[in-house]
PDB file of all heavy atoms in Angstrom:
ATOM      1  N   GLN A   1     -10.240   5.835  17.095  1.00  0.00           N
ATOM      2  CA  GLN A   1     -11.688   5.665  17.229  1.00  0.00           C
ATOM      3  C   GLN A   1     -12.363   5.719  15.864  1.00  0.00           C
ATOM      4  O   GLN A   1     -11.847   6.343  14.924  1.00  0.00           O
ATOM      5  CB  GLN A   1     -12.262   6.751  18.125  1.00  0.00           C
ATOM      6  CG  GLN A   1     -11.906   6.594  19.597  1.00  0.00           C
ATOM      7  CD  GLN A   1     -12.662   7.577  20.476  1.00  0.00           C
ATOM      8  OE1 GLN A   1     -12.993   8.674  20.047  1.00  0.00           O
ATOM      9  NE2 GLN A   1     -12.936   7.161  21.705  1.00  0.00           N
ATOM     10  N   ALA A   2     -13.506   5.082  15.776  1.00  0.00           N
ATOM     11  CA  ALA A   2     -14.282   5.134  14.540  1.00  0.00           C
ATOM     12  C   ALA A   2     -14.560   6.587  14.156  1.00  0.00           C
ATOM     13  O   ALA A   2     -14.863   7.422  15.016  1.00  0.00           O
ATOM     14  CB  ALA A   2     -15.590   4.377  14.721  1.00  0.00           C
ATOM     15  N   GLY A   3     -14.410   6.865  12.867  1.00  0.00           N
ATOM     16  CA  GLY A   3     -14.571   8.222  12.370  1.00  0.00           C
ATOM     17  C   GLY A   3     -13.271   8.989  12.294  1.00  0.00           C
ATOM     18  O   GLY A   3     -13.217  10.074  11.694  1.00  0.00           O
ATOM     19  N   GLY A   4     -12.239   8.456  12.911  1.00  0.00           N
ATOM     20  CA  GLY A   4     -10.949   9.118  12.931  1.00  0.00           C
ATOM     21  C   GLY A   4     -10.120   8.852  11.683  1.00  0.00           C
ATOM     22  O   GLY A   4     -10.590   8.226  10.728  1.00  0.00           O
ATOM     23  N   SER A   5      -8.875   9.328  11.711  1.00  0.00           N
ATOM     24  CA  SER A   5      -7.976   9.221  10.564  1.00  0.00           C
ATOM     25  C   SER A   5      -6.610   8.707  10.993  1.00  0.00           C
ATOM     26  O   SER A   5      -6.191   8.900  12.140  1.00  0.00           O
ATOM     27  CB  SER A   5      -7.800  10.594   9.891  1.00  0.00           C
ATOM     28  OG  SER A   5      -9.014  11.096   9.407  1.00  0.00           O
ATOM     29  N   LEU A   6      -5.937   8.067  10.063  1.00  0.00           N
ATOM     30  CA  LEU A   6      -4.547   7.648  10.219  1.00  0.00           C
ATOM     31  C   LEU A   6      -3.870   7.783   8.870  1.00  0.00           C
ATOM     32  O   LEU A   6      -4.532   7.664   7.827  1.00  0.00           O
ATOM     33  CB  LEU A   6      -4.441   6.193  10.676  1.00  0.00           C
ATOM     34  CG  LEU A   6      -4.582   5.844  12.151  1.00  0.00           C
ATOM     35  CD1 LEU A   6      -4.518   4.334  12.324  1.00  0.00           C
ATOM     36  CD2 LEU A   6      -3.535   6.535  12.999  1.00  0.00           C
ATOM     37  N   ARG A   7      -2.552   8.002   8.897  1.00  0.00           N
ATOM     38  CA  ARG A   7      -1.777   7.973   7.670  1.00  0.00           C
ATOM     39  C   ARG A   7      -0.678   6.927   7.805  1.00  0.00           C
ATOM     40  O   ARG A   7       0.171   7.032   8.689  1.00  0.00           O
ATOM     41  CB  ARG A   7      -1.161   9.330   7.336  1.00  0.00           C
ATOM     42  CG  ARG A   7      -0.532   9.342   5.945  1.00  0.00           C
ATOM     43  CD  ARG A   7       0.030  10.677   5.573  1.00  0.00           C
ATOM     44  NE  ARG A   7       1.336  10.937   6.182  1.00  0.00           N
ATOM     45  CZ  ARG A   7       2.223  11.793   5.715  1.00  0.00           C
ATOM     46  NH1 ARG A   7       1.954  12.498   4.617  1.00  0.00           N
ATOM     47  NH2 ARG A   7       3.377  11.984   6.334  1.00  0.00           N
ATOM     48  N   LEU A   8      -0.729   5.954   6.931  1.00  0.00           N
ATOM     49  CA  LEU A   8       0.299   4.926   6.885  1.00  0.00           C
ATOM     50  C   LEU A   8       1.381   5.328   5.897  1.00  0.00           C
ATOM     51  O   LEU A   8       1.100   5.975   4.884  1.00  0.00           O
ATOM     52  CB  LEU A   8      -0.286   3.581   6.471  1.00  0.00           C
ATOM     53  CG  LEU A   8      -1.448   3.049   7.305  1.00  0.00           C
ATOM     54  CD1 LEU A   8      -1.855   1.665   6.793  1.00  0.00           C
ATOM     55  CD2 LEU A   8      -1.119   3.012   8.774  1.00  0.00           C
ATOM     56  N   SER A   9       2.601   4.913   6.197  1.00  0.00           N
ATOM     57  CA  SER A   9       3.728   5.154   5.307  1.00  0.00           C
ATOM     58  C   SER A   9       4.382   3.829   4.946  1.00  0.00           C
ATOM     59  O   SER A   9       4.439   2.917   5.780  1.00  0.00           O
ATOM     60  CB  SER A   9       4.771   6.062   5.974  1.00  0.00           C
ATOM     61  OG  SER A   9       4.230   7.314   6.297  1.00  0.00           O
ATOM     62  N   CYS A  10       4.888   3.748   3.724  1.00  0.00           N
ATOM     63  CA  CYS A  10       5.664   2.595   3.275  1.00  0.00           C
ATOM     64  C   CYS A  10       6.954   3.140   2.676  1.00  0.00           C
ATOM     65  O   CYS A  10       6.923   3.747   1.602  1.00  0.00           O
ATOM     66  CB  CYS A  10       4.892   1.773   2.264  1.00  0.00           C
ATOM     67  SG  CYS A  10       5.862   0.443   1.525  1.00  0.00           S
ATOM     68  N   ALA A  11       8.052   2.933   3.382  1.00  0.00           N
ATOM     69  CA  ALA A  11       9.343   3.409   2.915  1.00  0.00           C
ATOM     70  C   ALA A  11      10.033   2.299   2.131  1.00  0.00           C
ATOM     71  O   ALA A  11      10.222   1.196   2.650  1.00  0.00           O
ATOM     72  CB  ALA A  11      10.195   3.841   4.096  1.00  0.00           C
ATOM     73  N   ALA A  12      10.418   2.618   0.907  1.00  0.00           N
ATOM     74  CA  ALA A  12      11.100   1.653   0.046  1.00  0.00           C
ATOM     75  C   ALA A  12      12.581   1.989  -0.022  1.00  0.00           C
ATOM     76  O   ALA A  12      12.967   3.153  -0.075  1.00  0.00           O
ATOM     77  CB  ALA A  12      10.491   1.674  -1.348  1.00  0.00           C
ATOM     78  N   SER A  13      13.404   0.955  -0.011  1.00  0.00           N
ATOM     79  CA  SER A  13      14.845   1.145  -0.141  1.00  0.00           C
ATOM     80  C   SER A  13      15.421   0.055  -1.033  1.00  0.00           C
ATOM     81  O   SER A  13      14.788  -0.963  -1.277  1.00  0.00           O
ATOM     82  CB  SER A  13      15.527   1.131   1.231  1.00  0.00           C
ATOM     83  OG  SER A  13      15.319  -0.109   1.870  1.00  0.00           O
ATOM     84  N   GLY A  14      16.626   0.278  -1.488  1.00  0.00           N
ATOM     85  CA  GLY A  14      17.255  -0.673  -2.404  1.00  0.00           C
ATOM     86  C   GLY A  14      17.060  -0.235  -3.840  1.00  0.00           C
ATOM     87  O   GLY A  14      17.107   0.952  -4.137  1.00  0.00           O
ATOM     88  N   HIS A  15      16.787  -1.180  -4.728  1.00  0.00           N
ATOM     89  CA  HIS A  15      16.671  -0.913  -6.163  1.00  0.00           C
ATOM     90  C   HIS A  15      15.271  -0.402  -6.530  1.00  0.00           C
ATOM     91  O   HIS A  15      14.565  -0.993  -7.340  1.00  0.00           O
ATOM     92  CB  HIS A  15      17.002  -2.160  -6.956  1.00  0.00           C
ATOM     93  CG  HIS A  15      18.427  -2.596  -6.796  1.00  0.00           C
ATOM     94  ND1 HIS A  15      18.879  -3.800  -7.270  1.00  0.00           N
ATOM     95  CD2 HIS A  15      19.494  -1.991  -6.221  1.00  0.00           C
ATOM     96  CE1 HIS A  15      20.174  -3.916  -6.991  1.00  0.00           C
ATOM     97  NE2 HIS A  15      20.554  -2.838  -6.348  1.00  0.00           N
ATOM     98  N   THR A  16      14.905   0.722  -5.970  1.00  0.00           N
ATOM     99  CA  THR A  16      13.562   1.258  -6.203  1.00  0.00           C
ATOM    100  C   THR A  16      13.351   1.689  -7.643  1.00  0.00           C
ATOM    101  O   THR A  16      12.215   1.764  -8.109  1.00  0.00           O
ATOM    102  CB  THR A  16      13.275   2.434  -5.259  1.00  0.00           C
ATOM    103  OG1 THR A  16      14.271   3.435  -5.459  1.00  0.00           O
ATOM    104  CG2 THR A  16      13.292   1.986  -3.804  1.00  0.00           C
ATOM    105  N   PHE A  17      14.445   1.940  -8.365  1.00  0.00           N
ATOM    106  CA  PHE A  17      14.325   2.333  -9.773  1.00  0.00           C
ATOM    107  C   PHE A  17      13.682   1.228 -10.609  1.00  0.00           C
ATOM    108  O   PHE A  17      13.184   1.460 -11.694  1.00  0.00           O
ATOM    109  CB  PHE A  17      15.700   2.669 -10.351  1.00  0.00           C
ATOM    110  CG  PHE A  17      16.677   1.531 -10.269  1.00  0.00           C
ATOM    111  CD1 PHE A  17      16.709   0.551 -11.255  1.00  0.00           C
ATOM    112  CD2 PHE A  17      17.550   1.424  -9.203  1.00  0.00           C
ATOM    113  CE1 PHE A  17      17.603  -0.500 -11.179  1.00  0.00           C
ATOM    114  CE2 PHE A  17      18.441   0.378  -9.118  1.00  0.00           C
ATOM    115  CZ  PHE A  17      18.469  -0.593 -10.113  1.00  0.00           C
ATOM    116  N   SER A  18      13.705   0.008 -10.094  1.00  0.00           N
ATOM    117  CA  SER A  18      13.171  -1.132 -10.841  1.00  0.00           C
ATOM    118  C   SER A  18      11.664  -1.311 -10.681  1.00  0.00           C
ATOM    119  O   SER A  18      11.057  -2.144 -11.344  1.00  0.00           O
ATOM    120  CB  SER A  18      13.865  -2.418 -10.390  1.00  0.00           C
ATOM    121  OG  SER A  18      13.518  -2.731  -9.052  1.00  0.00           O
ATOM    122  N   LEU A  19      11.052  -0.536  -9.795  1.00  0.00           N
ATOM    123  CA  LEU A  19       9.638  -0.744  -9.486  1.00  0.00           C
ATOM    124  C   LEU A  19       8.727  -0.193 -10.568  1.00  0.00           C
ATOM    125  O   LEU A  19       8.947   0.877 -11.113  1.00  0.00           O
ATOM    126  CB  LEU A  19       9.299  -0.113  -8.147  1.00  0.00           C
ATOM    127  CG  LEU A  19       9.984  -0.732  -6.925  1.00  0.00           C
ATOM    128  CD1 LEU A  19       9.577   0.020  -5.664  1.00  0.00           C
ATOM    129  CD2 LEU A  19       9.634  -2.205  -6.802  1.00  0.00           C
ATOM    130  N   ARG A  20       7.639  -0.906 -10.814  1.00  0.00           N
ATOM    131  CA  ARG A  20       6.561  -0.457 -11.705  1.00  0.00           C
ATOM    132  C   ARG A  20       5.391   0.089 -10.893  1.00  0.00           C
ATOM    133  O   ARG A  20       4.735   1.049 -11.282  1.00  0.00           O
ATOM    134  CB  ARG A  20       6.082  -1.629 -12.546  1.00  0.00           C
ATOM    135  CG  ARG A  20       4.758  -1.383 -13.293  1.00  0.00           C
ATOM    136  CD  ARG A  20       4.943  -0.645 -14.588  1.00  0.00           C
ATOM    137  NE  ARG A  20       3.674  -0.294 -15.203  1.00  0.00           N
ATOM    138  CZ  ARG A  20       2.958  -1.123 -15.934  1.00  0.00           C
ATOM    139  NH1 ARG A  20       3.368  -2.361 -16.148  1.00  0.00           N
ATOM    140  NH2 ARG A  20       1.819  -0.722 -16.464  1.00  0.00           N
ATOM    141  N   SER A  21       5.135  -0.510  -9.738  1.00  0.00           N
ATOM    142  CA  SER A  21       3.978  -0.114  -8.933  1.00  0.00           C
ATOM    143  C   SER A  21       4.173  -0.517  -7.488  1.00  0.00           C
ATOM    144  O   SER A  21       5.028  -1.339  -7.161  1.00  0.00           O
ATOM    145  CB  SER A  21       2.704  -0.771  -9.473  1.00  0.00           C
ATOM    146  OG  SER A  21       2.848  -2.166  -9.446  1.00  0.00           O
ATOM    147  N   ILE A  22       3.333   0.043  -6.622  1.00  0.00           N
ATOM    148  CA  ILE A  22       3.389  -0.258  -5.201  1.00  0.00           C
ATOM    149  C   ILE A  22       1.985  -0.082  -4.632  1.00  0.00           C
ATOM    150  O   ILE A  22       1.218   0.755  -5.125  1.00  0.00           O
ATOM    151  CB  ILE A  22       4.421   0.655  -4.499  1.00  0.00           C
ATOM    152  CG1 ILE A  22       4.668   0.216  -3.066  1.00  0.00           C
ATOM    153  CG2 ILE A  22       4.027   2.105  -4.587  1.00  0.00           C
ATOM    154  CD1 ILE A  22       5.923   0.855  -2.469  1.00  0.00           C
ATOM    155  N   GLY A  23       1.649  -0.875  -3.629  1.00  0.00           N
ATOM    156  CA  GLY A  23       0.283  -0.802  -3.136  1.00  0.00           C
ATOM    157  C   GLY A  23       0.134  -1.288  -1.714  1.00  0.00           C
ATOM    158  O   GLY A  23       1.108  -1.654  -1.055  1.00  0.00           O
ATOM    159  N   TRP A  24      -1.130  -1.261  -1.256  1.00  0.00           N
ATOM    160  CA  TRP A  24      -1.466  -1.653   0.104  1.00  0.00           C
ATOM    161  C   TRP A  24      -2.495  -2.790   0.102  1.00  0.00           C
ATOM    162  O   TRP A  24      -3.442  -2.776  -0.695  1.00  0.00           O
ATOM    163  CB  TRP A  24      -2.055  -0.461   0.864  1.00  0.00           C
ATOM    164  CG  TRP A  24      -1.074   0.613   1.164  1.00  0.00           C
ATOM    165  CD1 TRP A  24      -0.826   1.722   0.421  1.00  0.00           C
ATOM    166  CD2 TRP A  24      -0.214   0.690   2.303  1.00  0.00           C
ATOM    167  NE1 TRP A  24       0.148   2.478   1.021  1.00  0.00           N
ATOM    168  CE2 TRP A  24       0.534   1.877   2.182  1.00  0.00           C
ATOM    169  CE3 TRP A  24      -0.009  -0.119   3.430  1.00  0.00           C
ATOM    170  CZ2 TRP A  24       1.479   2.270   3.133  1.00  0.00           C
ATOM    171  CZ3 TRP A  24       0.926   0.266   4.376  1.00  0.00           C
ATOM    172  CH2 TRP A  24       1.656   1.453   4.220  1.00  0.00           C
ATOM    173  N   PHE A  25      -2.292  -3.698   1.038  1.00  0.00           N
ATOM    174  CA  PHE A  25      -3.239  -4.768   1.301  1.00  0.00           C
ATOM    175  C   PHE A  25      -3.514  -4.785   2.802  1.00  0.00           C
ATOM    176  O   PHE A  25      -2.799  -4.167   3.564  1.00  0.00           O
ATOM    177  CB  PHE A  25      -2.651  -6.123   0.886  1.00  0.00           C
ATOM    178  CG  PHE A  25      -2.423  -6.252  -0.590  1.00  0.00           C
ATOM    179  CD1 PHE A  25      -1.252  -5.776  -1.168  1.00  0.00           C
ATOM    180  CD2 PHE A  25      -3.376  -6.843  -1.403  1.00  0.00           C
ATOM    181  CE1 PHE A  25      -1.034  -5.887  -2.534  1.00  0.00           C
ATOM    182  CE2 PHE A  25      -3.172  -6.962  -2.760  1.00  0.00           C
ATOM    183  CZ  PHE A  25      -2.003  -6.479  -3.323  1.00  0.00           C
ATOM    184  N   ARG A  26      -4.543  -5.488   3.182  1.00  0.00           N
ATOM    185  CA  ARG A  26      -4.815  -5.655   4.611  1.00  0.00           C
ATOM    186  C   ARG A  26      -5.352  -7.050   4.866  1.00  0.00           C
ATOM    187  O   ARG A  26      -5.922  -7.693   3.981  1.00  0.00           O
ATOM    188  CB  ARG A  26      -5.811  -4.605   5.107  1.00  0.00           C
ATOM    189  CG  ARG A  26      -7.209  -4.701   4.505  1.00  0.00           C
ATOM    190  CD  ARG A  26      -8.040  -3.511   4.950  1.00  0.00           C
ATOM    191  NE  ARG A  26      -9.408  -3.573   4.430  1.00  0.00           N
ATOM    192  CZ  ARG A  26     -10.300  -2.599   4.575  1.00  0.00           C
ATOM    193  NH1 ARG A  26      -9.977  -1.480   5.225  1.00  0.00           N
ATOM    194  NH2 ARG A  26     -11.527  -2.740   4.086  1.00  0.00           N
ATOM    195  N   GLN A  27      -5.144  -7.495   6.094  1.00  0.00           N
ATOM    196  CA  GLN A  27      -5.650  -8.809   6.492  1.00  0.00           C
ATOM    197  C   GLN A  27      -6.123  -8.732   7.929  1.00  0.00           C
ATOM    198  O   GLN A  27      -5.332  -8.445   8.838  1.00  0.00           O
ATOM    199  CB  GLN A  27      -4.588  -9.890   6.329  1.00  0.00           C
ATOM    200  CG  GLN A  27      -5.128 -11.282   6.552  1.00  0.00           C
ATOM    201  CD  GLN A  27      -4.188 -12.360   6.046  1.00  0.00           C
ATOM    202  OE1 GLN A  27      -3.006 -12.129   5.820  1.00  0.00           O
ATOM    203  NE2 GLN A  27      -4.718 -13.552   5.836  1.00  0.00           N
ATOM    204  N   ALA A  28      -7.404  -8.971   8.119  1.00  0.00           N
ATOM    205  CA  ALA A  28      -7.984  -9.020   9.454  1.00  0.00           C
ATOM    206  C   ALA A  28      -7.891 -10.453   9.976  1.00  0.00           C
ATOM    207  O   ALA A  28      -7.729 -11.391   9.195  1.00  0.00           O
ATOM    208  CB  ALA A  28      -9.437  -8.559   9.400  1.00  0.00           C
ATOM    209  N   PRO A  29      -8.010 -10.623  11.300  1.00  0.00           N
ATOM    210  CA  PRO A  29      -7.927 -11.971  11.868  1.00  0.00           C
ATOM    211  C   PRO A  29      -8.934 -12.921  11.237  1.00  0.00           C
ATOM    212  O   PRO A  29     -10.089 -12.538  10.996  1.00  0.00           O
ATOM    213  CB  PRO A  29      -8.239 -11.733  13.356  1.00  0.00           C
ATOM    214  CG  PRO A  29      -7.818 -10.335  13.597  1.00  0.00           C
ATOM    215  CD  PRO A  29      -8.126  -9.594  12.333  1.00  0.00           C
ATOM    216  N   VAL A  30      -8.504 -14.095  10.936  1.00  0.00           N
ATOM    217  CA  VAL A  30      -9.277 -15.185  10.332  1.00  0.00           C
ATOM    218  C   VAL A  30      -9.960 -14.771   9.038  1.00  0.00           C
ATOM    219  O   VAL A  30     -10.964 -15.373   8.620  1.00  0.00           O
ATOM    220  CB  VAL A  30     -10.317 -15.783  11.320  1.00  0.00           C
ATOM    221  CG1 VAL A  30      -9.618 -16.322  12.554  1.00  0.00           C
ATOM    222  CG2 VAL A  30     -11.409 -14.794  11.685  1.00  0.00           C
ATOM    223  N   GLN A  31      -9.447 -13.770   8.358  1.00  0.00           N
ATOM    224  CA  GLN A  31      -9.974 -13.365   7.060  1.00  0.00           C
ATOM    225  C   GLN A  31      -8.868 -13.424   6.014  1.00  0.00           C
ATOM    226  O   GLN A  31      -7.684 -13.415   6.337  1.00  0.00           O
ATOM    227  CB  GLN A  31     -10.570 -11.960   7.124  1.00  0.00           C
ATOM    228  CG  GLN A  31     -11.824 -11.875   7.976  1.00  0.00           C
ATOM    229  CD  GLN A  31     -12.569 -10.572   7.786  1.00  0.00           C
ATOM    230  OE1 GLN A  31     -12.356  -9.851   6.812  1.00  0.00           O
ATOM    231  NE2 GLN A  31     -13.453 -10.265   8.716  1.00  0.00           N
ATOM    232  N   GLU A  32      -9.272 -13.467   4.751  1.00  0.00           N
ATOM    233  CA  GLU A  32      -8.300 -13.479   3.673  1.00  0.00           C
ATOM    234  C   GLU A  32      -7.697 -12.089   3.473  1.00  0.00           C
ATOM    235  O   GLU A  32      -8.300 -11.076   3.835  1.00  0.00           O
ATOM    236  CB  GLU A  32      -8.970 -13.941   2.377  1.00  0.00           C
ATOM    237  CG  GLU A  32      -9.350 -15.401   2.361  1.00  0.00           C
ATOM    238  CD  GLU A  32      -9.793 -15.861   0.979  1.00  0.00           C
ATOM    239  OE1 GLU A  32      -9.966 -15.006   0.100  1.00  0.00           O
ATOM    240  OE2 GLU A  32      -9.964 -17.068   0.803  1.00  0.00           O
ATOM    241  N   ARG A  33      -6.543 -12.087   2.878  1.00  0.00           N
ATOM    242  CA  ARG A  33      -5.908 -10.834   2.501  1.00  0.00           C
ATOM    243  C   ARG A  33      -6.787 -10.085   1.502  1.00  0.00           C
ATOM    244  O   ARG A  33      -7.377 -10.686   0.610  1.00  0.00           O
ATOM    245  CB  ARG A  33      -4.549 -11.124   1.889  1.00  0.00           C
ATOM    246  CG  ARG A  33      -3.741  -9.892   1.502  1.00  0.00           C
ATOM    247  CD  ARG A  33      -2.427 -10.327   0.895  1.00  0.00           C
ATOM    248  NE  ARG A  33      -2.656 -11.156  -0.273  1.00  0.00           N
ATOM    249  CZ  ARG A  33      -1.836 -12.115  -0.681  1.00  0.00           C
ATOM    250  NH1 ARG A  33      -0.749 -12.387  -0.005  1.00  0.00           N
ATOM    251  NH2 ARG A  33      -2.109 -12.809  -1.764  1.00  0.00           N
ATOM    252  N   GLU A  34      -6.846  -8.765   1.657  1.00  0.00           N
ATOM    253  CA  GLU A  34      -7.726  -7.936   0.825  1.00  0.00           C
ATOM    254  C   GLU A  34      -6.924  -6.789   0.209  1.00  0.00           C
ATOM    255  O   GLU A  34      -6.166  -6.112   0.911  1.00  0.00           O
ATOM    256  CB  GLU A  34      -8.853  -7.371   1.696  1.00  0.00           C
ATOM    257  CG  GLU A  34      -9.812  -6.439   0.987  1.00  0.00           C
ATOM    258  CD  GLU A  34     -10.794  -5.778   1.942  1.00  0.00           C
ATOM    259  OE1 GLU A  34     -10.546  -5.790   3.160  1.00  0.00           O
ATOM    260  OE2 GLU A  34     -11.794  -5.220   1.456  1.00  0.00           O
ATOM    261  N   PHE A  35      -7.120  -6.574  -1.072  1.00  0.00           N
ATOM    262  CA  PHE A  35      -6.510  -5.434  -1.745  1.00  0.00           C
ATOM    263  C   PHE A  35      -7.137  -4.139  -1.237  1.00  0.00           C
ATOM    264  O   PHE A  35      -8.352  -4.067  -1.030  1.00  0.00           O
ATOM    265  CB  PHE A  35      -6.704  -5.561  -3.251  1.00  0.00           C
ATOM    266  CG  PHE A  35      -6.440  -4.300  -4.019  1.00  0.00           C
ATOM    267  CD1 PHE A  35      -5.145  -3.848  -4.187  1.00  0.00           C
ATOM    268  CD2 PHE A  35      -7.483  -3.556  -4.550  1.00  0.00           C
ATOM    269  CE1 PHE A  35      -4.898  -2.679  -4.889  1.00  0.00           C
ATOM    270  CE2 PHE A  35      -7.249  -2.397  -5.254  1.00  0.00           C
ATOM    271  CZ  PHE A  35      -5.949  -1.953  -5.422  1.00  0.00           C
ATOM    272  N   VAL A  36      -6.301  -3.093  -1.075  1.00  0.00           N
ATOM    273  CA  VAL A  36      -6.795  -1.796  -0.621  1.00  0.00           C
ATOM    274  C   VAL A  36      -6.614  -0.726  -1.696  1.00  0.00           C
ATOM    275  O   VAL A  36      -7.575  -0.099  -2.137  1.00  0.00           O
ATOM    276  CB  VAL A  36      -6.083  -1.357   0.676  1.00  0.00           C
ATOM    277  CG1 VAL A  36      -6.526   0.036   1.087  1.00  0.00           C
ATOM    278  CG2 VAL A  36      -6.343  -2.360   1.801  1.00  0.00           C
ATOM    279  N   ALA A  37      -5.359  -0.515  -2.110  1.00  0.00           N
ATOM    280  CA  ALA A  37      -5.081   0.519  -3.112  1.00  0.00           C
ATOM    281  C   ALA A  37      -3.695   0.289  -3.692  1.00  0.00           C
ATOM    282  O   ALA A  37      -2.842  -0.312  -3.040  1.00  0.00           O
ATOM    283  CB  ALA A  37      -5.160   1.913  -2.483  1.00  0.00           C
ATOM    284  N   ALA A  38      -3.480   0.787  -4.905  1.00  0.00           N
ATOM    285  CA  ALA A  38      -2.167   0.674  -5.539  1.00  0.00           C
ATOM    286  C   ALA A  38      -1.941   1.874  -6.436  1.00  0.00           C
ATOM    287  O   ALA A  38      -2.899   2.491  -6.923  1.00  0.00           O
ATOM    288  CB  ALA A  38      -2.056  -0.621  -6.331  1.00  0.00           C
ATOM    289  N   ILE A  39      -0.652   2.180  -6.673  1.00  0.00           N
ATOM    290  CA  ILE A  39      -0.290   3.360  -7.456  1.00  0.00           C
ATOM    291  C   ILE A  39       0.937   3.044  -8.300  1.00  0.00           C
ATOM    292  O   ILE A  39       1.788   2.244  -7.884  1.00  0.00           O
ATOM    293  CB  ILE A  39      -0.023   4.560  -6.515  1.00  0.00           C
ATOM    294  CG1 ILE A  39       0.180   5.855  -7.307  1.00  0.00           C
ATOM    295  CG2 ILE A  39       1.176   4.283  -5.604  1.00  0.00           C
ATOM    296  CD1 ILE A  39       0.186   7.094  -6.417  1.00  0.00           C
ATOM    297  N   GLY A  40       1.017   3.605  -9.477  1.00  0.00           N
ATOM    298  CA  GLY A  40       2.206   3.460 -10.289  1.00  0.00           C
ATOM    299  C   GLY A  40       3.390   4.136  -9.619  1.00  0.00           C
ATOM    300  O   GLY A  40       3.242   5.182  -8.985  1.00  0.00           O
ATOM    301  N   TRP A  41       4.573   3.540  -9.783  1.00  0.00           N
ATOM    302  CA  TRP A  41       5.748   4.118  -9.125  1.00  0.00           C
ATOM    303  C   TRP A  41       6.212   5.392  -9.828  1.00  0.00           C
ATOM    304  O   TRP A  41       6.694   6.328  -9.199  1.00  0.00           O
ATOM    305  CB  TRP A  41       6.886   3.091  -9.090  1.00  0.00           C
ATOM    306  CG  TRP A  41       8.078   3.549  -8.316  1.00  0.00           C
ATOM    307  CD1 TRP A  41       9.304   3.863  -8.802  1.00  0.00           C
ATOM    308  CD2 TRP A  41       8.147   3.757  -6.898  1.00  0.00           C
ATOM    309  NE1 TRP A  41      10.142   4.254  -7.784  1.00  0.00           N
ATOM    310  CE2 TRP A  41       9.460   4.197  -6.605  1.00  0.00           C
ATOM    311  CE3 TRP A  41       7.238   3.637  -5.847  1.00  0.00           C
ATOM    312  CZ2 TRP A  41       9.885   4.493  -5.300  1.00  0.00           C
ATOM    313  CZ3 TRP A  41       7.657   3.934  -4.562  1.00  0.00           C
ATOM    314  CH2 TRP A  41       8.962   4.360  -4.302  1.00  0.00           C
ATOM    315  N   SER A  42       6.049   5.444 -11.147  1.00  0.00           N
ATOM    316  CA  SER A  42       6.493   6.624 -11.882  1.00  0.00           C
ATOM    317  C   SER A  42       5.439   7.127 -12.867  1.00  0.00           C
ATOM    318  O   SER A  42       5.757   7.877 -13.782  1.00  0.00           O
ATOM    319  CB  SER A  42       7.799   6.335 -12.622  1.00  0.00           C
ATOM    320  OG  SER A  42       7.632   5.220 -13.476  1.00  0.00           O
ATOM    321  N   ASP A  43       4.209   6.702 -12.687  1.00  0.00           N
ATOM    322  CA  ASP A  43       3.125   7.237 -13.508  1.00  0.00           C
ATOM    323  C   ASP A  43       1.922   7.530 -12.613  1.00  0.00           C
ATOM    324  O   ASP A  43       1.997   7.386 -11.404  1.00  0.00           O
ATOM    325  CB  ASP A  43       2.748   6.252 -14.624  1.00  0.00           C
ATOM    326  CG  ASP A  43       2.299   4.912 -14.099  1.00  0.00           C
ATOM    327  OD1 ASP A  43       1.419   4.878 -13.208  1.00  0.00           O
ATOM    328  OD2 ASP A  43       2.819   3.893 -14.563  1.00  0.00           O
ATOM    329  N   THR A  44       0.824   7.944 -13.213  1.00  0.00           N
ATOM    330  CA  THR A  44      -0.316   8.429 -12.431  1.00  0.00           C
ATOM    331  C   THR A  44      -1.403   7.383 -12.231  1.00  0.00           C
ATOM    332  O   THR A  44      -2.473   7.691 -11.733  1.00  0.00           O
ATOM    333  CB  THR A  44      -0.930   9.660 -13.105  1.00  0.00           C
ATOM    334  OG1 THR A  44      -1.331   9.309 -14.438  1.00  0.00           O
ATOM    335  CG2 THR A  44       0.071  10.805 -13.157  1.00  0.00           C
ATOM    336  N   ALA A  45      -1.141   6.159 -12.630  1.00  0.00           N
ATOM    337  CA  ALA A  45      -2.167   5.122 -12.479  1.00  0.00           C
ATOM    338  C   ALA A  45      -2.450   4.849 -11.004  1.00  0.00           C
ATOM    339  O   ALA A  45      -1.526   4.712 -10.205  1.00  0.00           O
ATOM    340  CB  ALA A  45      -1.703   3.842 -13.159  1.00  0.00           C
TER     341      ALA A  45
END
């Protein structure tokens, strides 16, 4: 419901040591993909 909370998870597997960053996008029906948030894989960005 509106006002509520959810926590999404993204589990990475394979050559994760090669990653620089990881992030989230979203796409609503008949809308373009939208950036949500991103974080460095091994830094604080």
